[in-house]
C-alpha atoms as a PDB file:
ATOM      1  CA  MET A   1      99.659  83.196 115.664  1.00  0.00           C
ATOM      2  CA  ALA A   2     101.954  83.104 112.642  1.00  0.00           C
ATOM      3  CA  THR A   3     103.715  80.172 111.445  1.00  0.00           C
ATOM      4  CA  PRO A   4     107.123  79.707 111.620  1.00  0.00           C
ATOM      5  CA  ILE A   5     107.258  79.151 107.369  1.00  0.00           C
ATOM      6  CA  SER A   6     105.140  82.720 107.130  1.00  0.00           C
ATOM      7  CA  ILE A   7     107.582  84.416 109.535  1.00  0.00           C
ATOM      8  CA  GLU A   8     110.421  83.257 107.640  1.00  0.00           C
ATOM      9  CA  ARG A   9     108.689  84.178 104.347  1.00  0.00           C
ATOM     10  CA  ASN A  10     108.607  87.579 105.804  1.00  0.00           C
ATOM     11  CA  LEU A  11     111.871  87.817 106.945  1.00  0.00           C
ATOM     12  CA  LEU A  12     112.960  87.010 103.525  1.00  0.00           C
ATOM     13  CA  VAL A  13     110.913  89.663 101.887  1.00  0.00           C
ATOM     14  CA  PHE A  14     112.059  92.290 104.366  1.00  0.00           C
ATOM     15  CA  ILE A  15     115.564  91.338 103.862  1.00  0.00           C
ATOM     16  CA  ILE A  16     115.702  91.682 100.075  1.00  0.00           C
ATOM     17  CA  TRP A  17     113.628  94.865 100.577  1.00  0.00           C
ATOM     18  CA  ALA A  18     115.796  96.394 103.050  1.00  0.00           C
ATOM     19  CA  CYS A  19     119.012  95.668 101.091  1.00  0.00           C
ATOM     20  CA  LEU A  20     118.025  95.654  97.354  1.00  0.00           C
ATOM     21  CA  GLY A  21     115.221  98.161  97.509  1.00  0.00           C
ATOM     22  CA  PHE A  22     117.157 101.001  99.403  1.00  0.00           C
ATOM     23  CA  LEU A  23     120.113 100.435  98.062  1.00  0.00           C
ATOM     24  CA  GLY A  24     118.514 100.973  94.795  1.00  0.00           C
ATOM     25  CA  LEU A  25     116.498 104.292  95.912  1.00  0.00           C
ATOM     26  CA  GLY A  26     119.264 105.461  97.483  1.00  0.00           C
ATOM     27  CA  ILE A  27     121.075 105.039  94.109  1.00  0.00           C
ATOM     28  CA  ILE A  28     118.365 106.501  92.092  1.00  0.00           C
ATOM     29  CA  LEU A  29     118.215 109.842  94.561  1.00  0.00           C
ATOM     30  CA  GLU A  30     122.284 110.043  93.666  1.00  0.00           C
ATOM     31  CA  GLY A  31     121.328 110.080  90.304  1.00  0.00           C
ATOM     32  CA  PHE A  32     118.865 112.426  90.851  1.00  0.00           C
ATOM     33  CA  SER A  33     121.417 114.673  92.559  1.00  0.00           C
ATOM     34  CA  ARG A  34     124.250 114.217  90.116  1.00  0.00           C
ATOM     35  CA  ASP A  35     121.507 114.732  87.183  1.00  0.00           C
ATOM     36  CA  THR A  36     122.751 111.727  85.485  1.00  0.00           C
ATOM     37  CA  TRP A  37     120.339 109.253  84.402  1.00  0.00           C
ATOM     38  CA  VAL A  38     122.508 106.261  84.115  1.00  0.00           C
ATOM     39  CA  ILE A  39     123.144 105.944  87.713  1.00  0.00           C
ATOM     40  CA  SER A  40     119.278 106.745  88.466  1.00  0.00           C
ATOM     41  CA  ALA A  41     118.695 103.830  85.946  1.00  0.00           C
ATOM     42  CA  MET A  42     121.100 101.222  88.142  1.00  0.00           C
ATOM     43  CA  GLY A  43     118.754 102.201  90.987  1.00  0.00           C
ATOM     44  CA  VAL A  44     115.864 101.135  88.687  1.00  0.00           C
ATOM     45  CA  THR A  45     118.027  97.955  88.085  1.00  0.00           C
ATOM     46  CA  LEU A  46     118.033  97.334  91.939  1.00  0.00           C
ATOM     47  CA  ILE A  47     114.662  97.896  92.711  1.00  0.00           C
ATOM     48  CA  VAL A  48     113.719  95.584  89.795  1.00  0.00           C
ATOM     49  CA  LEU A  49     115.913  92.610  91.465  1.00  0.00           C
ATOM     50  CA  ALA A  50     114.194  93.168  94.667  1.00  0.00           C
ATOM     51  CA  PHE A  51     110.642  92.843  93.039  1.00  0.00           C
ATOM     52  CA  SER A  52     112.118  89.769  91.074  1.00  0.00           C
ATOM     53  CA  ALA A  53     113.513  88.264  94.223  1.00  0.00           C
ATOM     54  CA  HIS A  54     109.980  89.145  96.377  1.00  0.00           C
ATOM     55  CA  ILE A  55     108.054  87.014  93.603  1.00  0.00           C
ATOM     56  CA  VAL A  56     110.735  84.520  93.703  1.00  0.00           C
ATOM     57  CA  VAL A  57     110.146  84.227  97.571  1.00  0.00           C
ATOM     58  CA  ASN A  58     106.408  84.105  97.190  1.00  0.00           C
ATOM     59  CA  GLY A  59     106.981  80.964  94.655  1.00  0.00           C
ATOM     60  CA  VAL A  60     109.159  79.089  96.690  1.00  0.00           C
ATOM     61  CA  PHE A  61     106.549  79.856  99.502  1.00  0.00           C
ATOM     62  CA  ASP A  62     103.919  79.154  97.260  1.00  0.00           C
ATOM     63  CA  THR A  63     101.990  82.531  97.940  1.00  0.00           C
ATOM     64  CA  GLY A  64     101.471  85.729  96.663  1.00  0.00           C
ATOM     65  CA  PHE A  65     101.569  89.454  97.718  1.00  0.00           C
ATOM     66  CA  THR A  66      99.606  89.766 100.556  1.00  0.00           C
ATOM     67  CA  ARG A  67      96.952  92.311 101.151  1.00  0.00           C
ATOM     68  CA  GLY A  68      99.919  94.832 103.452  1.00  0.00           C
ATOM     69  CA  GLU A  69     102.474  94.570 100.621  1.00  0.00           C
ATOM     70  CA  THR A  70      99.841  95.382  97.822  1.00  0.00           C
ATOM     71  CA  ALA A  71      99.029  98.230  99.459  1.00  0.00           C
ATOM     72  CA  LEU A  72     102.390  99.921 100.562  1.00  0.00           C
ATOM     73  CA  GLY A  73     103.847  98.988  96.949  1.00  0.00           C
ATOM     74  CA  MET A  74     100.504 100.860  95.154  1.00  0.00           C
ATOM     75  CA  GLY A  75     100.575 103.185  97.949  1.00  0.00           C
ATOM     76  CA  CYS A  76     104.340 104.409  97.427  1.00  0.00           C
ATOM     77  CA  TYR A  77     103.904 103.888  93.581  1.00  0.00           C
ATOM     78  CA  GLY A  78     100.997 106.675  93.541  1.00  0.00           C
ATOM     79  CA  LEU A  79     102.872 108.993  96.469  1.00  0.00           C
ATOM     80  CA  LEU A  80     106.097 108.824  94.091  1.00  0.00           C
ATOM     81  CA  GLY A  81     104.070 109.350  90.751  1.00  0.00           C
ATOM     82  CA  LEU A  82     102.132 112.744  92.283  1.00  0.00           C
ATOM     83  CA  THR A  83     105.332 113.623  93.233  1.00  0.00           C
ATOM     84  CA  PHE A  84     107.271 113.477  90.007  1.00  0.00           C
ATOM     85  CA  ILE A  85     103.920 114.597  87.827  1.00  0.00           C
ATOM     86  CA  PHE A  86     103.699 117.407  90.728  1.00  0.00           C
ATOM     87  CA  GLY A  87     107.675 118.821  90.025  1.00  0.00           C
ATOM     88  CA  ALA A  88     107.275 118.152  85.823  1.00  0.00           C
ATOM     89  CA  PHE A  89     104.441 120.236  86.063  1.00  0.00           C
ATOM     90  CA  THR A  90     106.374 122.849  88.519  1.00  0.00           C
ATOM     91  CA  GLY A  91     109.143 122.739  85.888  1.00  0.00           C
ATOM     92  CA  LYS A  92     111.727 122.160  88.645  1.00  0.00           C
ATOM     93  CA  LEU A  93     112.992 118.252  86.467  1.00  0.00           C
ATOM     94  CA  SER A  94     116.129 118.331  84.431  1.00  0.00           C
ATOM     95  CA  MET A  95     115.368 116.239  81.378  1.00  0.00           C
ATOM     96  CA  SER A  96     117.793 113.922  83.272  1.00  0.00           C
ATOM     97  CA  ASP A  97     115.246 113.489  86.216  1.00  0.00           C
ATOM     98  CA  LEU A  98     112.522 113.399  83.473  1.00  0.00           C
ATOM     99  CA  TYR A  99     114.011 110.323  81.885  1.00  0.00           C
ATOM    100  CA  SER A 100     114.916 108.916  84.829  1.00  0.00           C
ATOM    101  CA  GLY A 101     111.507 109.128  86.443  1.00  0.00           C
ATOM    102  CA  LEU A 102     110.119 107.561  83.210  1.00  0.00           C
ATOM    103  CA  ILE A 103     112.253 104.916  83.507  1.00  0.00           C
ATOM    104  CA  LEU A 104     111.412 104.126  87.099  1.00  0.00           C
ATOM    105  CA  PHE A 105     107.617 104.269  86.097  1.00  0.00           C
ATOM    106  CA  GLY A 106     107.542 102.448  82.856  1.00  0.00           C
ATOM    107  CA  VAL A 107     109.696  99.729  84.294  1.00  0.00           C
ATOM    108  CA  LEU A 108     107.473  99.404  87.133  1.00  0.00           C
ATOM    109  CA  ALA A 109     104.328  99.444  85.622  1.00  0.00           C
ATOM    110  CA  LEU A 110     105.338  96.716  82.771  1.00  0.00           C
ATOM    111  CA  GLY A 111     106.536  94.752  85.622  1.00  0.00           C
ATOM    112  CA  LEU A 112     103.310  94.803  87.216  1.00  0.00           C
ATOM    113  CA  ILE A 113     101.599  93.848  83.884  1.00  0.00           C
ATOM    114  CA  VAL A 114     104.337  90.890  83.672  1.00  0.00           C
ATOM    115  CA  TYR A 115     103.582  89.670  87.102  1.00  0.00           C
ATOM    116  CA  LEU A 116      99.977  89.656  86.643  1.00  0.00           C
ATOM    117  CA  ALA A 117      99.921  87.746  83.445  1.00  0.00           C
ATOM    118  CA  THR A 118     102.477  84.970  84.525  1.00  0.00           C
ATOM    119  CA  ARG A 119     100.702  84.656  87.896  1.00  0.00           C
ATOM    120  CA  HIS A 120      97.583  84.479  86.540  1.00  0.00           C
ATOM    121  CA  GLY A 121      97.075  84.251  83.143  1.00  0.00           C
ATOM    122  CA  LEU A 122      96.030  86.664  80.468  1.00  0.00           C
ATOM    123  CA  ARG A 123      92.581  85.955  81.531  1.00  0.00           C
ATOM    124  CA  GLY A 124      92.971  85.507  84.961  1.00  0.00           C
ATOM    125  CA  ALA A 125      94.958  88.936  85.148  1.00  0.00           C
ATOM    126  CA  PHE A 126      91.899  90.542  83.637  1.00  0.00           C
ATOM    127  CA  SER A 127      89.570  88.838  86.451  1.00  0.00           C
ATOM    128  CA  GLN A 128      91.609  90.304  88.739  1.00  0.00           C
ATOM    129  CA  PHE A 129      90.225  94.126  88.427  1.00  0.00           C
ATOM    130  CA  HIS A 130      86.588  92.678  86.644  1.00  0.00           C
ATOM    131  CA  ILE A 131      83.940  92.476  88.752  1.00  0.00           C
ATOM    132  CA  LYS A 132      81.670  89.659  88.056  1.00  0.00           C
ATOM    133  CA  SER A 133      77.879  90.390  87.836  1.00  0.00           C
ATOM    134  CA  ILE A 134      75.899  88.285  89.757  1.00  0.00           C
ATOM    135  CA  ASN A 135      72.911  86.159  87.712  1.00  0.00           C
ATOM    136  CA  THR A 136      70.043  88.704  88.084  1.00  0.00           C
ATOM    137  CA  GLU A 137      68.078  86.862  85.242  1.00  0.00           C
ATOM    138  CA  THR A 138      65.233  86.192  88.297  1.00  0.00           C
ATOM    139  CA  ASP A 139      65.390  89.449  89.940  1.00  0.00           C
ATOM    140  CA  PRO A 140      67.309  92.348  88.833  1.00  0.00           C
ATOM    141  CA  ASN A 141      67.920  93.701  92.681  1.00  0.00           C
ATOM    142  CA  GLU A 142      69.276  90.610  93.767  1.00  0.00           C
ATOM    143  CA  GLY A 143      72.693  91.071  94.403  1.00  0.00           C
ATOM    144  CA  ARG A 144      72.220  94.822  95.953  1.00  0.00           C
ATOM    145  CA  LYS A 145      70.196  93.128  99.710  1.00  0.00           C
END
């Protein structure tokens, strides 16, 4: 059963992404339709604000991103990235759309690096991805059982 604190945190995160995230996505799409990268950059700014607000909520509630939030974020980033790459290779992107996409993915990638560095420190951020080996001095197959 979920505690009232976790419900409150989940509600805040949902409200942040429902308001700022979807508004930012709408503005990015408007920038794509008008072929103006400045409008798309404003949408990217709103998405960065939503990500920052999510980090603040996590800090207030002394939690990190849940596994579901991480999976959703990485899945959306990957799907949007593949769509962007496909559009770039087919030649259907204007220069404005290309710049808008590069700004979006560059800022989000930089935001991930900054988040990991501030949340876990530089050494801890590397440890989030690095699998530590098991002490295998006695038996080299000890960790494989």
